[in-house]
Amino acid sequence: MSPRRINFRDRLIGELDRAIKVLTVPRGGLDGLAMQPESESLPEADRLESGRLMRVNHAGEVAAQALYQGQGLTARAGAVKAAMQQSAAEETDHLAWCEQRLGELGARPSVLNPFWYAGSFAIGALAGALGDRASLGFVAETEAQVESHLGKHLDRMSREDLRSRAILERMQRDEVRHGAIAISLGGSRLPVPVSLAMRLTSRVMTFCAYWI
């Protein structure tokens, strides 16, 4: 008997399983990252600010998982699909690092994470359906905005919070690489209105995740 072919419904069920795991399954933490020792003298105000900033970054990584999975679901070229899956795997590390650091700081993830995941998955699937060049351009623009966003967080975060800073600096390098890969695979520049809409959406998510 020949093996059963995986159809679109099967893939959707698989994506639902991934969503549940992203939102609920505890992950290993910082083994893959050479971490700085914890600062014993981090003032409470700095610890609170770091926790809020890491909650934003954790929410961003939840959204990144959904974006890549949505785009991978509708990608057409095999090389593009493989690149999306590889980047999503690396974003899983980012998610784990942020998750563990939240616990160390005594902070919690955003309660709106299911909303960020659902919305980002839909946006990613739509971008992928528009064609691989548009989808890759969307990745490149997203990663450029995330790189800038991480730089701002590093400016705001206490210099004494070495562990959080190590995570953000590593994430920033990875995002630059992901954007470069998207461009190398043929990503096209997005129209200015689309880029501006993405920036506005990012600001809304950042504001909400910082507090909620």
C-alpha atoms as a PDB file:
ATOM      1  CA  MET A   1       0.000   0.000   0.000  1.00  0.00           C
ATOM      2  CA  SER A   2       1.375   3.388  -0.975  1.00  0.00           C
ATOM      3  CA  PRO A   3       1.810   5.951   1.814  1.00  0.00           C
ATOM      4  CA  ARG A   4      -1.067   8.357   2.339  1.00  0.00           C
ATOM      5  CA  ARG A   5      -0.475  11.772   0.825  1.00  0.00           C
ATOM      6  CA  ILE A   6      -0.553  14.730   3.181  1.00  0.00           C
ATOM      7  CA  ASN A   7      -3.262  17.150   2.075  1.00  0.00           C
ATOM      8  CA  PHE A   8      -3.941  20.756   3.003  1.00  0.00           C
ATOM      9  CA  ARG A   9      -6.274  19.761   5.847  1.00  0.00           C
ATOM     10  CA  ASP A  10      -3.541  17.588   7.357  1.00  0.00           C
ATOM     11  CA  ARG A  11      -1.128  20.497   7.171  1.00  0.00           C
ATOM     12  CA  LEU A  12      -3.624  22.770   8.909  1.00  0.00           C
ATOM     13  CA  ILE A  13      -4.023  20.230  11.710  1.00  0.00           C
ATOM     14  CA  GLY A  14      -0.246  20.139  12.003  1.00  0.00           C
ATOM     15  CA  GLU A  15      -0.139  23.929  12.244  1.00  0.00           C
ATOM     16  CA  LEU A  16      -2.770  23.874  15.004  1.00  0.00           C
ATOM     17  CA  ASP A  17      -0.605  21.402  16.921  1.00  0.00           C
ATOM     18  CA  ARG A  18       2.401  23.710  16.507  1.00  0.00           C
ATOM     19  CA  ALA A  19       0.366  26.673  17.737  1.00  0.00           C
ATOM     20  CA  ILE A  20      -0.658  24.814  20.890  1.00  0.00           C
ATOM     21  CA  LYS A  21       2.960  23.864  21.557  1.00  0.00           C
ATOM     22  CA  VAL A  22       4.229  27.421  21.032  1.00  0.00           C
ATOM     23  CA  LEU A  23       1.624  28.835  23.409  1.00  0.00           C
ATOM     24  CA  THR A  24       1.578  26.166  26.132  1.00  0.00           C
ATOM     25  CA  VAL A  25       4.568  23.787  26.126  1.00  0.00           C
ATOM     26  CA  PRO A  26       7.488  24.784  28.400  1.00  0.00           C
ATOM     27  CA  ARG A  27      10.797  24.903  26.558  1.00  0.00           C
ATOM     28  CA  GLY A  28      14.397  24.358  27.524  1.00  0.00           C
ATOM     29  CA  GLY A  29      16.208  27.577  27.987  1.00  0.00           C
ATOM     30  CA  LEU A  30      19.651  28.956  27.566  1.00  0.00           C
ATOM     31  CA  ASP A  31      21.811  25.910  26.881  1.00  0.00           C
ATOM     32  CA  GLY A  32      22.406  27.038  23.316  1.00  0.00           C
ATOM     33  CA  LEU A  33      23.618  30.484  24.371  1.00  0.00           C
ATOM     34  CA  ALA A  34      26.775  31.346  26.307  1.00  0.00           C
ATOM     35  CA  MET A  35      25.120  33.346  29.047  1.00  0.00           C
ATOM     36  CA  GLN A  36      26.551  36.022  31.258  1.00  0.00           C
ATOM     37  CA  PRO A  37      26.246  35.428  35.015  1.00  0.00           C
ATOM     38  CA  GLU A  38      23.226  36.876  36.768  1.00  0.00           C
ATOM     39  CA  SER A  39      23.776  40.263  38.357  1.00  0.00           C
ATOM     40  CA  GLU A  40      23.030  40.098  42.070  1.00  0.00           C
ATOM     41  CA  SER A  41      22.829  43.883  42.355  1.00  0.00           C
ATOM     42  CA  LEU A  42      20.194  44.577  39.679  1.00  0.00           C
ATOM     43  CA  PRO A  43      17.898  47.223  41.215  1.00  0.00           C
ATOM     44  CA  GLU A  44      14.223  46.318  41.452  1.00  0.00           C
ATOM     45  CA  ALA A  45      13.200  49.082  39.040  1.00  0.00           C
ATOM     46  CA  ASP A  46      15.663  47.774  36.445  1.00  0.00           C
ATOM     47  CA  ARG A  47      14.484  44.214  36.988  1.00  0.00           C
ATOM     48  CA  LEU A  48      10.869  45.296  36.470  1.00  0.00           C
ATOM     49  CA  GLU A  49      11.758  47.175  33.271  1.00  0.00           C
ATOM     50  CA  SER A  50      13.757  44.230  31.950  1.00  0.00           C
ATOM     51  CA  GLY A  51      10.809  41.942  32.644  1.00  0.00           C
ATOM     52  CA  ARG A  52       8.445  44.182  30.690  1.00  0.00           C
ATOM     53  CA  LEU A  53      10.859  44.486  27.771  1.00  0.00           C
ATOM     54  CA  MET A  54      11.450  40.731  27.690  1.00  0.00           C
ATOM     55  CA  ARG A  55       7.681  40.187  27.728  1.00  0.00           C
ATOM     56  CA  VAL A  56       7.479  42.309  24.575  1.00  0.00           C
ATOM     57  CA  ASN A  57      10.280  40.292  22.981  1.00  0.00           C
ATOM     58  CA  HIS A  58       8.661  37.010  24.000  1.00  0.00           C
ATOM     59  CA  ALA A  59       5.403  38.136  22.387  1.00  0.00           C
ATOM     60  CA  GLY A  60       7.370  39.117  19.300  1.00  0.00           C
ATOM     61  CA  GLU A  61       8.885  35.640  19.095  1.00  0.00           C
ATOM     62  CA  VAL A  62       5.436  34.061  19.437  1.00  0.00           C
ATOM     63  CA  ALA A  63       4.352  36.231  16.512  1.00  0.00           C
ATOM     64  CA  ALA A  64       7.507  35.316  14.561  1.00  0.00           C
ATOM     65  CA  GLN A  65       6.732  31.612  14.963  1.00  0.00           C
ATOM     66  CA  ALA A  66       3.266  32.205  13.559  1.00  0.00           C
ATOM     67  CA  LEU A  67       4.481  34.370  10.683  1.00  0.00           C
ATOM     68  CA  TYR A  68       7.031  31.806   9.518  1.00  0.00           C
ATOM     69  CA  GLN A  69       4.616  28.917   9.880  1.00  0.00           C
ATOM     70  CA  GLY A  70       1.923  30.793   7.956  1.00  0.00           C
ATOM     71  CA  GLN A  71       4.326  31.733   5.193  1.00  0.00           C
ATOM     72  CA  GLY A  72       5.790  28.236   5.039  1.00  0.00           C
ATOM     73  CA  LEU A  73       2.274  26.807   4.670  1.00  0.00           C
ATOM     74  CA  THR A  74       1.618  28.811   1.496  1.00  0.00           C
ATOM     75  CA  ALA A  75       5.175  29.089   0.101  1.00  0.00           C
ATOM     76  CA  ARG A  76       5.565  27.699  -3.410  1.00  0.00           C
ATOM     77  CA  ALA A  77       9.264  27.136  -4.067  1.00  0.00           C
ATOM     78  CA  GLY A  78      10.935  24.350  -2.101  1.00  0.00           C
ATOM     79  CA  ALA A  79      13.978  26.510  -1.289  1.00  0.00           C
ATOM     80  CA  VAL A  80      11.737  29.218   0.129  1.00  0.00           C
ATOM     81  CA  LYS A  81       9.775  26.729   2.243  1.00  0.00           C
ATOM     82  CA  ALA A  82      13.032  25.236   3.577  1.00  0.00           C
ATOM     83  CA  ALA A  83      14.396  28.697   4.441  1.00  0.00           C
ATOM     84  CA  MET A  84      11.173  29.563   6.294  1.00  0.00           C
ATOM     85  CA  GLN A  85      11.364  26.327   8.286  1.00  0.00           C
ATOM     86  CA  GLN A  86      15.028  26.905   9.195  1.00  0.00           C
ATOM     87  CA  SER A  87      14.379  30.465  10.334  1.00  0.00           C
ATOM     88  CA  ALA A  88      11.356  29.292  12.336  1.00  0.00           C
ATOM     89  CA  ALA A  89      13.564  26.716  14.094  1.00  0.00           C
ATOM     90  CA  GLU A  90      16.036  29.439  15.085  1.00  0.00           C
ATOM     91  CA  GLU A  91      13.174  31.641  16.263  1.00  0.00           C
ATOM     92  CA  THR A  92      12.178  28.734  18.531  1.00  0.00           C
ATOM     93  CA  ASP A  93      15.518  29.188  20.316  1.00  0.00           C
ATOM     94  CA  HIS A  94      14.755  32.893  20.706  1.00  0.00           C
ATOM     95  CA  LEU A  95      11.358  32.033  22.165  1.00  0.00           C
ATOM     96  CA  ALA A  96      12.926  29.632  24.666  1.00  0.00           C
ATOM     97  CA  TRP A  97      15.572  32.163  25.730  1.00  0.00           C
ATOM     98  CA  CYS A  98      12.966  34.889  26.282  1.00  0.00           C
ATOM     99  CA  GLU A  99      10.701  32.479  28.136  1.00  0.00           C
ATOM    100  CA  GLN A 100      13.376  31.373  30.565  1.00  0.00           C
ATOM    101  CA  ARG A 101      14.569  34.913  31.142  1.00  0.00           C
ATOM    102  CA  LEU A 102      11.016  36.019  31.943  1.00  0.00           C
ATOM    103  CA  GLY A 103      10.904  33.396  34.687  1.00  0.00           C
ATOM    104  CA  GLU A 104      14.270  34.479  36.063  1.00  0.00           C
ATOM    105  CA  LEU A 105      13.062  38.078  36.236  1.00  0.00           C
ATOM    106  CA  GLY A 106       9.814  37.080  37.938  1.00  0.00           C
ATOM    107  CA  ALA A 107       7.760  38.313  34.973  1.00  0.00           C
ATOM    108  CA  ARG A 108       5.006  36.580  33.008  1.00  0.00           C
ATOM    109  CA  PRO A 109       4.287  36.256  29.285  1.00  0.00           C
ATOM    110  CA  SER A 110       1.678  38.476  27.661  1.00  0.00           C
ATOM    111  CA  VAL A 111      -1.866  37.181  28.151  1.00  0.00           C
ATOM    112  CA  LEU A 112      -2.525  38.322  24.568  1.00  0.00           C
ATOM    113  CA  ASN A 113      -0.095  35.785  23.057  1.00  0.00           C
ATOM    114  CA  PRO A 114      -2.900  33.666  21.488  1.00  0.00           C
ATOM    115  CA  PHE A 115      -4.143  36.801  19.730  1.00  0.00           C
ATOM    116  CA  TRP A 116      -0.640  37.674  18.466  1.00  0.00           C
ATOM    117  CA  TYR A 117      -0.199  34.123  17.184  1.00  0.00           C
ATOM    118  CA  ALA A 118      -3.532  33.936  15.366  1.00  0.00           C
ATOM    119  CA  GLY A 119      -3.177  37.339  13.749  1.00  0.00           C
ATOM    120  CA  SER A 120       0.434  36.776  12.716  1.00  0.00           C
ATOM    121  CA  PHE A 121      -0.319  33.349  11.253  1.00  0.00           C
ATOM    122  CA  ALA A 122      -3.087  34.826   9.118  1.00  0.00           C
ATOM    123  CA  ILE A 123      -0.813  37.651   7.940  1.00  0.00           C
ATOM    124  CA  GLY A 124       1.976  35.189   7.147  1.00  0.00           C
ATOM    125  CA  ALA A 125      -0.326  32.876   5.194  1.00  0.00           C
ATOM    126  CA  LEU A 126      -1.674  35.842   3.211  1.00  0.00           C
ATOM    127  CA  ALA A 127       1.834  37.084   2.453  1.00  0.00           C
ATOM    128  CA  GLY A 128       2.822  33.621   1.269  1.00  0.00           C
ATOM    129  CA  ALA A 129      -0.281  33.367  -0.916  1.00  0.00           C
ATOM    130  CA  LEU A 130       0.736  36.580  -2.705  1.00  0.00           C
ATOM    131  CA  GLY A 131       3.835  34.827  -4.031  1.00  0.00           C
ATOM    132  CA  ASP A 132       7.298  33.980  -2.815  1.00  0.00           C
ATOM    133  CA  ARG A 133       8.889  37.311  -3.787  1.00  0.00           C
ATOM    134  CA  ALA A 134       6.291  39.264  -1.810  1.00  0.00           C
ATOM    135  CA  SER A 135       6.513  36.816   1.091  1.00  0.00           C
ATOM    136  CA  LEU A 136      10.299  37.071   1.243  1.00  0.00           C
ATOM    137  CA  GLY A 137      10.061  40.863   1.029  1.00  0.00           C
ATOM    138  CA  PHE A 138       7.695  40.737   3.991  1.00  0.00           C
ATOM    139  CA  VAL A 139      10.270  38.684   5.937  1.00  0.00           C
ATOM    140  CA  ALA A 140      13.058  41.117   5.089  1.00  0.00           C
ATOM    141  CA  GLU A 141      10.996  44.120   6.203  1.00  0.00           C
ATOM    142  CA  THR A 142       9.862  42.359   9.381  1.00  0.00           C
ATOM    143  CA  GLU A 143      13.416  41.424  10.341  1.00  0.00           C
ATOM    144  CA  ALA A 144      14.671  44.963   9.669  1.00  0.00           C
ATOM    145  CA  GLN A 145      11.998  46.335  11.988  1.00  0.00           C
ATOM    146  CA  VAL A 146      12.750  43.729  14.659  1.00  0.00           C
ATOM    147  CA  GLU A 147      16.474  44.538  14.485  1.00  0.00           C
ATOM    148  CA  SER A 148      15.688  48.213  15.081  1.00  0.00           C
ATOM    149  CA  HIS A 149      13.252  47.351  17.865  1.00  0.00           C
ATOM    150  CA  LEU A 150      15.873  45.206  19.649  1.00  0.00           C
ATOM    151  CA  GLY A 151      18.399  48.028  19.395  1.00  0.00           C
ATOM    152  CA  LYS A 152      15.959  50.357  21.151  1.00  0.00           C
ATOM    153  CA  HIS A 153      15.422  47.803  23.904  1.00  0.00           C
ATOM    154  CA  LEU A 154      19.173  47.496  24.405  1.00  0.00           C
ATOM    155  CA  ASP A 155      19.339  51.284  24.783  1.00  0.00           C
ATOM    156  CA  ARG A 156      16.578  51.210  27.419  1.00  0.00           C
ATOM    157  CA  MET A 157      17.771  48.172  29.345  1.00  0.00           C
ATOM    158  CA  SER A 158      20.129  48.454  32.308  1.00  0.00           C
ATOM    159  CA  ARG A 159      23.790  47.875  31.473  1.00  0.00           C
ATOM    160  CA  GLU A 160      23.914  45.659  34.556  1.00  0.00           C
ATOM    161  CA  ASP A 161      21.376  43.189  33.165  1.00  0.00           C
ATOM    162  CA  LEU A 162      24.003  41.148  31.355  1.00  0.00           C
ATOM    163  CA  ARG A 163      21.841  38.060  30.832  1.00  0.00           C
ATOM    164  CA  SER A 164      18.968  39.871  29.139  1.00  0.00           C
ATOM    165  CA  ARG A 165      21.369  41.905  27.022  1.00  0.00           C
ATOM    166  CA  ALA A 166      23.198  38.769  25.857  1.00  0.00           C
ATOM    167  CA  ILE A 167      19.897  37.325  24.651  1.00  0.00           C
ATOM    168  CA  LEU A 168      18.880  40.465  22.775  1.00  0.00           C
ATOM    169  CA  GLU A 169      22.284  40.896  21.147  1.00  0.00           C
ATOM    170  CA  ARG A 170      22.255  37.304  19.881  1.00  0.00           C
ATOM    171  CA  MET A 171      18.685  37.679  18.641  1.00  0.00           C
ATOM    172  CA  GLN A 172      19.612  40.883  16.842  1.00  0.00           C
ATOM    173  CA  ARG A 173      22.419  39.144  14.933  1.00  0.00           C
ATOM    174  CA  ASP A 174      20.105  36.302  13.942  1.00  0.00           C
ATOM    175  CA  GLU A 175      17.399  38.682  12.699  1.00  0.00           C
ATOM    176  CA  VAL A 176      19.925  40.476  10.476  1.00  0.00           C
ATOM    177  CA  ARG A 177      20.906  37.129   8.978  1.00  0.00           C
ATOM    178  CA  HIS A 178      17.290  36.059   8.422  1.00  0.00           C
ATOM    179  CA  GLY A 179      16.585  39.297   6.576  1.00  0.00           C
ATOM    180  CA  ALA A 180      19.680  38.865   4.406  1.00  0.00           C
ATOM    181  CA  ILE A 181      18.629  35.320   3.499  1.00  0.00           C
ATOM    182  CA  ALA A 182      15.175  36.563   2.449  1.00  0.00           C
ATOM    183  CA  ILE A 183      16.742  39.178   0.181  1.00  0.00           C
ATOM    184  CA  SER A 184      19.177  36.655  -1.306  1.00  0.00           C
ATOM    185  CA  LEU A 185      16.265  34.357  -2.208  1.00  0.00           C
ATOM    186  CA  GLY A 186      14.609  37.128  -4.212  1.00  0.00           C
ATOM    187  CA  GLY A 187      12.580  39.133  -1.716  1.00  0.00           C
ATOM    188  CA  SER A 188      11.102  42.297  -3.229  1.00  0.00           C
ATOM    189  CA  ARG A 189      10.826  45.686  -1.542  1.00  0.00           C
ATOM    190  CA  LEU A 190       7.372  46.260  -0.070  1.00  0.00           C
ATOM    191  CA  PRO A 191       5.297  49.333  -0.963  1.00  0.00           C
ATOM    192  CA  VAL A 192       5.759  52.197   1.501  1.00  0.00           C
ATOM    193  CA  PRO A 193       2.138  52.055   2.776  1.00  0.00           C
ATOM    194  CA  VAL A 194       2.580  48.362   3.639  1.00  0.00           C
ATOM    195  CA  SER A 195       5.818  49.062   5.537  1.00  0.00           C
ATOM    196  CA  LEU A 196       4.140  51.883   7.452  1.00  0.00           C
ATOM    197  CA  ALA A 197       1.171  49.661   8.307  1.00  0.00           C
ATOM    198  CA  MET A 198       3.572  47.007   9.618  1.00  0.00           C
ATOM    199  CA  ARG A 199       5.313  49.592  11.799  1.00  0.00           C
ATOM    200  CA  LEU A 200       1.989  50.781  13.226  1.00  0.00           C
ATOM    201  CA  THR A 201       0.908  47.209  13.976  1.00  0.00           C
ATOM    202  CA  SER A 202       4.248  46.542  15.667  1.00  0.00           C
ATOM    203  CA  ARG A 203       3.838  49.610  17.879  1.00  0.00           C
ATOM    204  CA  VAL A 204       0.387  48.507  18.971  1.00  0.00           C
ATOM    205  CA  MET A 205       1.654  45.032  19.860  1.00  0.00           C
ATOM    206  CA  THR A 206       4.688  46.466  21.665  1.00  0.00           C
ATOM    207  CA  PHE A 207       2.566  48.827  23.766  1.00  0.00           C
ATOM    208  CA  CYS A 208       0.027  46.146  24.700  1.00  0.00           C
ATOM    209  CA  ALA A 209       2.581  43.420  25.470  1.00  0.00           C
ATOM    210  CA  TYR A 210       4.638  45.797  27.620  1.00  0.00           C
ATOM    211  CA  TRP A 211       1.702  46.206  30.024  1.00  0.00           C
ATOM    212  CA  ILE A 212      -0.524  43.159  29.499  1.00  0.00           C
END
